[in-house]
Protein backbone atom coordinates (compact mmCIF):
# COMPACT_ATOMS: atom_id res chain seq x y z
CA UNK A 1 -88.49 30.26 -63.42
CA UNK A 2 -92.28 30.27 -63.26
CA UNK A 3 -93.86 27.36 -61.38
CA UNK A 4 -97.44 26.20 -62.06
CA UNK A 5 -99.08 22.93 -61.08
CA UNK A 6 -99.81 20.35 -63.75
CA UNK A 7 -103.27 19.84 -62.28
CA UNK A 8 -104.06 23.44 -63.20
CA UNK A 9 -103.10 22.69 -66.78
CA UNK A 10 -105.43 19.70 -66.72
CA UNK A 11 -108.34 21.71 -65.33
CA UNK A 12 -107.90 24.56 -67.79
CA UNK A 13 -107.69 22.14 -70.71
CA UNK A 14 -110.99 20.55 -69.67
CA UNK A 15 -112.69 23.94 -69.92
CA UNK A 16 -111.15 24.58 -73.34
CA UNK A 17 -112.33 21.18 -74.53
CA UNK A 18 -115.78 21.77 -73.08
CA UNK A 19 -116.09 25.03 -74.99
CA UNK A 20 -115.04 23.36 -78.23
CA UNK A 21 -116.93 20.06 -77.95
CA UNK A 22 -120.40 19.86 -76.44
CA UNK A 23 -120.10 16.09 -75.89
CA UNK A 24 -117.33 16.45 -73.30
CA UNK A 25 -118.49 15.54 -69.78
CA UNK A 26 -116.59 15.19 -66.52
CA UNK A 27 -117.10 12.77 -63.63
CA UNK A 28 -115.69 13.76 -60.25
CA UNK A 29 -115.04 11.60 -57.20
CA UNK A 30 -115.68 14.10 -54.40
CA UNK A 31 -112.34 15.92 -54.87
CA UNK A 32 -113.12 18.43 -57.60
CA UNK A 33 -110.93 21.17 -56.13
CA UNK A 34 -107.93 18.87 -55.77
CA UNK A 35 -108.13 17.62 -59.35
CA UNK A 36 -109.05 21.09 -60.67
CA UNK A 37 -112.13 19.62 -62.32
CA UNK A 38 -113.90 22.37 -60.37
CA UNK A 39 -113.00 24.65 -63.30
CA UNK A 40 -115.18 22.56 -65.61
CA UNK A 41 -117.92 22.18 -63.00
CA UNK A 42 -118.19 25.96 -62.63
CA UNK A 43 -118.28 26.55 -66.39
CA UNK A 44 -120.50 23.60 -67.37
CA UNK A 45 -122.51 22.50 -64.30
CA UNK A 46 -124.96 20.47 -66.39
CA UNK A 47 -122.12 18.42 -67.87
CA UNK A 48 -120.43 17.61 -64.58
CA UNK A 49 -121.42 14.55 -62.56
CA UNK A 50 -120.41 14.15 -58.93
CA UNK A 51 -119.98 10.44 -58.25
CA UNK A 52 -118.91 10.68 -54.63
CA UNK A 53 -116.25 8.38 -53.24
CA UNK A 54 -117.18 5.48 -55.54
CA UNK A 55 -114.45 5.19 -58.14
CA UNK A 56 -115.57 1.79 -59.42
CA UNK A 57 -119.06 3.12 -60.13
CA UNK A 58 -117.56 6.20 -61.79
CA UNK A 59 -115.53 4.04 -64.17
CA UNK A 60 -118.64 2.08 -65.11
CA UNK A 61 -120.67 5.26 -65.53
CA UNK A 62 -117.96 6.71 -67.76
CA UNK A 63 -118.10 3.59 -69.90
CA UNK A 64 -121.85 3.95 -70.32
CA UNK A 65 -121.60 7.62 -71.22
CA UNK A 66 -119.00 6.75 -73.83
CA UNK A 67 -121.27 4.15 -75.39
CA UNK A 68 -123.97 6.84 -75.53
CA UNK A 69 -121.70 9.01 -77.67
CA UNK A 70 -120.20 11.33 -75.06
CA UNK A 71 -116.51 11.75 -74.24
CA UNK A 72 -116.20 11.36 -70.47
CA UNK A 73 -113.26 12.37 -68.28
CA UNK A 74 -113.19 10.31 -65.08
CA UNK A 75 -110.94 12.13 -62.59
CA UNK A 76 -109.66 11.33 -59.12
CA UNK A 77 -106.40 10.72 -57.30
CA UNK A 78 -104.20 8.39 -59.32
CA UNK A 79 -103.85 5.92 -56.48
CA UNK A 80 -107.63 5.41 -56.48
CA UNK A 81 -108.21 5.59 -60.24
CA UNK A 82 -105.55 3.01 -61.02
CA UNK A 83 -105.96 0.90 -57.89
CA UNK A 84 -109.54 0.86 -56.71
CA UNK A 85 -111.08 0.99 -60.20
CA UNK A 86 -108.49 -1.09 -62.06
CA UNK A 87 -110.73 -4.06 -62.85
CA UNK A 88 -113.50 -1.81 -64.12
CA UNK A 89 -111.02 0.10 -66.29
CA UNK A 90 -109.61 -3.18 -67.58
CA UNK A 91 -112.81 -5.05 -68.36
CA UNK A 92 -115.38 -2.33 -68.96
CA UNK A 93 -113.27 0.39 -70.60
CA UNK A 94 -110.05 -1.00 -72.12
CA UNK A 95 -111.43 -4.38 -73.22
CA UNK A 96 -114.23 -2.61 -75.08
CA UNK A 97 -111.85 0.11 -76.34
CA UNK A 98 -114.20 2.82 -75.09
CA UNK A 99 -113.40 6.49 -75.58
CA UNK A 100 -112.92 7.26 -71.88
CA UNK A 101 -110.24 9.61 -70.55
CA UNK A 102 -108.90 9.09 -67.03
CA UNK A 103 -107.25 11.87 -65.05
CA UNK A 104 -104.90 10.52 -62.39
CA UNK A 105 -104.08 13.36 -59.99
CA UNK A 106 -101.61 13.56 -57.09
CA UNK A 107 -99.08 11.35 -58.85
CA UNK A 108 -95.67 10.68 -57.35
CA UNK A 109 -93.96 11.55 -54.08
CA UNK A 110 -94.27 15.29 -54.72
CA UNK A 111 -97.87 14.99 -53.52
CA UNK A 112 -96.00 15.58 -50.27
CA UNK A 113 -97.85 15.94 -46.95
CA UNK A 114 -100.73 13.69 -48.00
CA UNK A 115 -98.35 10.79 -47.50
CA UNK A 116 -98.05 7.22 -48.70
CA UNK A 117 -101.76 6.45 -48.98
CA UNK A 118 -102.29 9.24 -51.50
CA UNK A 119 -98.97 9.17 -53.38
CA UNK A 120 -99.55 7.24 -56.60
CA UNK A 121 -96.33 5.36 -57.28
CA UNK A 122 -97.64 2.30 -59.12
CA UNK A 123 -100.09 3.51 -61.77
CA UNK A 124 -97.68 3.61 -64.70
CA UNK A 125 -97.20 -0.13 -64.23
CA UNK A 126 -100.90 -0.75 -63.72
CA UNK A 127 -102.03 1.26 -66.74
CA UNK A 128 -99.36 0.42 -69.30
CA UNK A 129 -100.04 -3.29 -68.95
CA UNK A 130 -103.58 -2.81 -70.26
CA UNK A 131 -104.09 -3.42 -73.99
CA UNK A 132 -105.44 -0.39 -75.92
CA UNK A 133 -104.56 2.05 -73.13
CA UNK A 134 -102.65 5.22 -74.00
CA UNK A 135 -100.54 6.50 -71.08
CA UNK A 136 -99.37 10.11 -70.83
CA UNK A 137 -97.06 11.65 -68.20
CA UNK A 138 -96.58 15.33 -69.11
CA UNK A 139 -93.69 17.28 -67.60
CA UNK A 140 -95.23 20.67 -66.81
CA UNK A 141 -98.28 22.94 -66.99
CA UNK A 142 -98.10 23.62 -70.72
CA UNK A 143 -97.51 20.01 -71.65
CA UNK A 144 -100.37 18.83 -69.43
CA UNK A 145 -102.75 21.15 -71.26
CA UNK A 146 -101.53 19.82 -74.59
CA UNK A 147 -101.72 16.19 -73.44
CA UNK A 148 -105.28 16.63 -72.20
CA UNK A 149 -106.42 18.19 -75.47
CA UNK A 150 -104.55 15.58 -77.51
CA UNK A 151 -106.21 12.78 -75.54
CA UNK A 152 -109.49 13.86 -77.13
CA UNK A 153 -108.39 15.10 -80.54
CA UNK A 154 -105.77 12.46 -81.37
CA UNK A 155 -106.99 9.28 -79.66
CA UNK A 156 -110.30 7.46 -79.97
CA UNK A 157 -109.98 5.06 -77.07
CA UNK A 158 -108.96 4.96 -73.41
CA UNK A 159 -106.29 7.38 -72.21
CA UNK A 160 -104.72 7.76 -68.76
CA UNK A 161 -103.15 11.16 -67.96
CA UNK A 162 -100.84 11.29 -64.93
CA UNK A 163 -100.33 14.67 -63.25
CA UNK A 164 -99.30 16.12 -59.91
CA UNK A 165 -100.29 18.44 -57.13
CA UNK A 166 -97.55 21.01 -56.41
CA UNK A 167 -96.37 23.83 -58.66
CA UNK A 168 -93.46 22.67 -60.83
CA UNK A 169 -91.15 24.66 -63.13
CA UNK A 170 -92.59 25.44 -66.55
CA UNK A 171 -89.91 24.18 -68.94
CA UNK A 172 -91.93 24.16 -72.17
CA UNK A 173 -93.93 26.88 -73.89
CA UNK A 174 -97.01 27.12 -76.07
CA UNK A 175 -94.94 26.47 -79.18
CA UNK A 176 -93.09 23.42 -77.83
CA UNK A 177 -93.93 20.32 -79.87
CA UNK A 178 -96.22 17.70 -78.39
CA UNK A 179 -97.38 14.61 -80.19
CA UNK A 180 -98.61 11.46 -78.53
CA UNK A 181 -96.06 8.69 -79.04
CA UNK A 182 -93.26 11.09 -79.99
CA UNK A 183 -90.59 11.82 -77.35
CA UNK A 184 -88.95 15.24 -77.21
CA UNK A 185 -85.20 15.85 -77.02
CA UNK A 186 -84.85 18.58 -74.39
CA UNK A 187 -81.05 18.74 -74.54
CA UNK A 188 -78.64 17.14 -76.97
CA UNK A 189 -75.60 15.23 -75.73
CA UNK A 190 -73.09 12.58 -76.73
CA UNK A 191 -71.90 10.72 -73.59
CA UNK A 192 -75.05 9.52 -71.81
CA UNK A 193 -78.81 9.64 -72.34
CA UNK A 194 -81.11 10.61 -69.47
CA UNK A 195 -84.70 9.64 -70.23
CA UNK A 196 -87.29 11.07 -67.86
CA UNK A 197 -91.01 11.75 -67.54
CA UNK A 198 -93.16 14.11 -65.52
CA UNK A 199 -91.50 16.45 -63.04
CA UNK A 200 -88.27 14.46 -63.28
CA UNK A 201 -87.56 16.02 -66.68
CA UNK A 202 -86.73 19.29 -64.93
CA UNK A 203 -84.40 17.60 -62.44
CA UNK A 204 -82.74 15.72 -65.29
CA UNK A 205 -82.03 18.99 -67.09
CA UNK A 206 -80.45 20.36 -63.92
CA UNK A 207 -78.37 17.19 -63.63
CA UNK A 208 -77.21 17.63 -67.22
CA UNK A 209 -75.94 21.09 -66.30
CA UNK A 210 -73.98 19.64 -63.38
CA UNK A 211 -72.51 16.92 -65.59
CA UNK A 212 -71.55 19.48 -68.20
CA UNK A 213 -69.40 21.26 -65.62
CA UNK A 214 -67.44 18.01 -65.31
CA UNK A 215 -67.05 17.66 -69.06
CA UNK A 216 -69.84 15.10 -69.48
CA UNK A 217 -72.32 15.72 -72.29
CA UNK A 218 -75.79 14.40 -71.36
CA UNK A 219 -78.74 14.09 -73.70
CA UNK A 220 -82.09 14.60 -71.97
CA UNK A 221 -85.22 12.99 -73.42
CA UNK A 222 -88.75 13.89 -72.30
CA UNK A 223 -90.67 10.62 -72.64
CA UNK A 224 -94.13 12.10 -72.03
CA UNK A 225 -95.86 9.14 -73.70
CA UNK A 226 -95.17 5.87 -71.93
CA UNK A 227 -97.57 4.00 -74.20
CA UNK A 228 -97.35 3.88 -77.17
CA UNK A 229 -93.65 4.25 -76.45
CA UNK A 230 -91.34 6.00 -78.90
CA UNK A 231 -89.08 3.08 -79.78
CA UNK A 232 -87.25 5.05 -82.46
CA UNK A 233 -86.27 7.83 -80.07
CA UNK A 234 -85.00 5.35 -77.48
CA UNK A 235 -82.95 3.33 -79.94
CA UNK A 236 -81.62 6.46 -81.61
CA UNK A 237 -80.35 7.99 -78.37
CA UNK A 238 -78.91 4.63 -77.26
CA UNK A 239 -76.91 4.37 -80.47
CA UNK A 240 -75.75 7.95 -80.08
CA UNK A 241 -74.53 7.90 -76.46
CA UNK A 242 -74.07 4.21 -75.64
CA UNK A 243 -75.76 4.23 -72.22
CA UNK A 244 -79.14 5.17 -70.75
CA UNK A 245 -80.28 6.39 -67.33
CA UNK A 246 -84.03 6.64 -66.72
CA UNK A 247 -85.56 8.83 -64.02
CA UNK A 248 -89.15 8.72 -62.79
CA UNK A 249 -91.31 9.56 -59.79
CA UNK A 250 -92.66 6.00 -59.66
CA UNK A 251 -91.68 2.52 -58.54
CA UNK A 252 -88.63 1.25 -60.42
CA UNK A 253 -90.50 -2.00 -61.06
CA UNK A 254 -92.87 -1.87 -64.00
CA UNK A 255 -92.64 1.85 -64.64
CA UNK A 256 -91.20 4.04 -67.36
CA UNK A 257 -87.69 2.66 -66.86
CA UNK A 258 -88.96 -0.88 -67.30
CA UNK A 259 -90.72 0.16 -70.51
CA UNK A 260 -87.48 1.66 -71.84
CA UNK A 261 -85.54 -1.44 -70.82
CA UNK A 262 -87.97 -3.63 -72.76
CA UNK A 263 -87.08 -1.68 -75.89
CA UNK A 264 -83.33 -1.62 -75.23
CA UNK A 265 -82.96 -5.32 -74.45
CA UNK A 266 -84.66 -6.27 -77.73
CA UNK A 267 -83.28 -3.68 -80.12
CA UNK A 268 -79.97 -2.20 -78.96
CA UNK A 269 -78.60 -3.37 -75.60
CA UNK A 270 -76.44 -0.79 -73.81
CA UNK A 271 -75.51 -0.23 -70.15
CA UNK A 272 -78.61 1.08 -68.38
CA UNK A 273 -79.81 2.09 -64.93
CA UNK A 274 -83.26 2.97 -63.57
CA UNK A 275 -83.89 5.67 -60.96
CA UNK A 276 -87.17 5.93 -59.09
CA UNK A 277 -88.78 4.68 -55.91
CA UNK A 278 -86.98 1.46 -55.04
CA UNK A 279 -89.66 -1.00 -53.88
CA UNK A 280 -91.08 1.01 -51.00
CA UNK A 281 -94.02 3.24 -50.18
CA UNK A 282 -93.95 7.01 -49.97
CA UNK A 283 -93.52 9.24 -46.94
CA UNK A 284 -95.01 12.51 -45.69
CA UNK A 285 -93.06 15.70 -46.22
CA UNK A 286 -92.64 18.72 -48.44
CA UNK A 287 -91.95 17.95 -52.12
CA UNK A 288 -88.35 19.17 -51.99
CA UNK A 289 -87.71 17.15 -48.84
CA UNK A 290 -89.05 13.99 -50.45
CA UNK A 291 -87.03 14.50 -53.62
CA UNK A 292 -83.92 14.56 -51.44
CA UNK A 293 -85.09 11.69 -49.22
CA UNK A 294 -85.73 9.38 -52.17
CA UNK A 295 -82.49 10.40 -53.91
CA UNK A 296 -84.08 11.95 -56.99
CA UNK A 297 -82.43 15.38 -56.86
CA UNK A 298 -80.24 16.70 -59.65
CA UNK A 299 -77.17 15.84 -57.57
CA UNK A 300 -78.38 12.26 -57.17
CA UNK A 301 -79.08 11.95 -60.89
CA UNK A 302 -75.63 13.29 -61.76
CA UNK A 303 -73.98 10.83 -59.36
CA UNK A 304 -75.85 7.87 -60.83
CA UNK A 305 -74.96 9.02 -64.33
CA UNK A 306 -71.26 9.07 -63.45
CA UNK A 307 -71.52 5.61 -61.94
CA UNK A 308 -73.26 4.32 -65.05
CA UNK A 309 -70.61 5.82 -67.31
CA UNK A 310 -68.03 3.55 -65.68
CA UNK A 311 -69.88 0.58 -67.18
CA UNK A 312 -69.81 2.04 -70.65
CA UNK A 313 -67.47 0.27 -73.06
């Protein structure tokens, strides 16, 4: 299976958008190669602004450019975009409902050797709590390109796009559906629903294969839009299978699993479990090592699914 980084999809989409819309501009925070905003900088040097290591200023600058009629992409590592510039995003961008797009790179533990300081594990919680913010967590290269384009063409307002560093399996194609706020069923099943986002969609599909060998039919949902969340898809799969397991490369508190639980507890309570990073910081290591270390492999997902099934009535 071909593996391509999601950050490459983000960078290529910026160039495509720049060619189509002359009001697209990009603000970098001294890491243009890492975020792949270097693609846009090379193609449109006059529409790229290097802000240096000053994320708070970059957020404010993006807000001003938006007010002036441009569509700015403010891009840096997710841990800095969501953490260091959170108050500026909250008060200057989201409160005013400005048309600013935020690229959060190096998301999750698969950032790998950069370690805990650069592994964004909290930004889903930090971004989804903001009113008017759209939050996208695409699963692969193709979906990241589509999400980046859709953030401009389908949303007038702030959007946060979460993407990673390492190459990950490409599990969608150019014709795969993508619509903000509409989850995709990647595999149909009847016994348990596995809802995942980002790179964890691939591991969830592998887990479904393992479960199938044991006679367990797992439905796999790609919840690429955390906000606005697809309530209908969540309730529908809960009614169909009777239990839900969520999987994410993020803290279990406040993340995608919490968002799903908020829907389930109000609309159709079923046995549920949340897999992710359990109230701790990241570690340094290769992506595959960290997936094993934090118990997010396909084997771990399959084991948790079997445990959850024991609670099913």
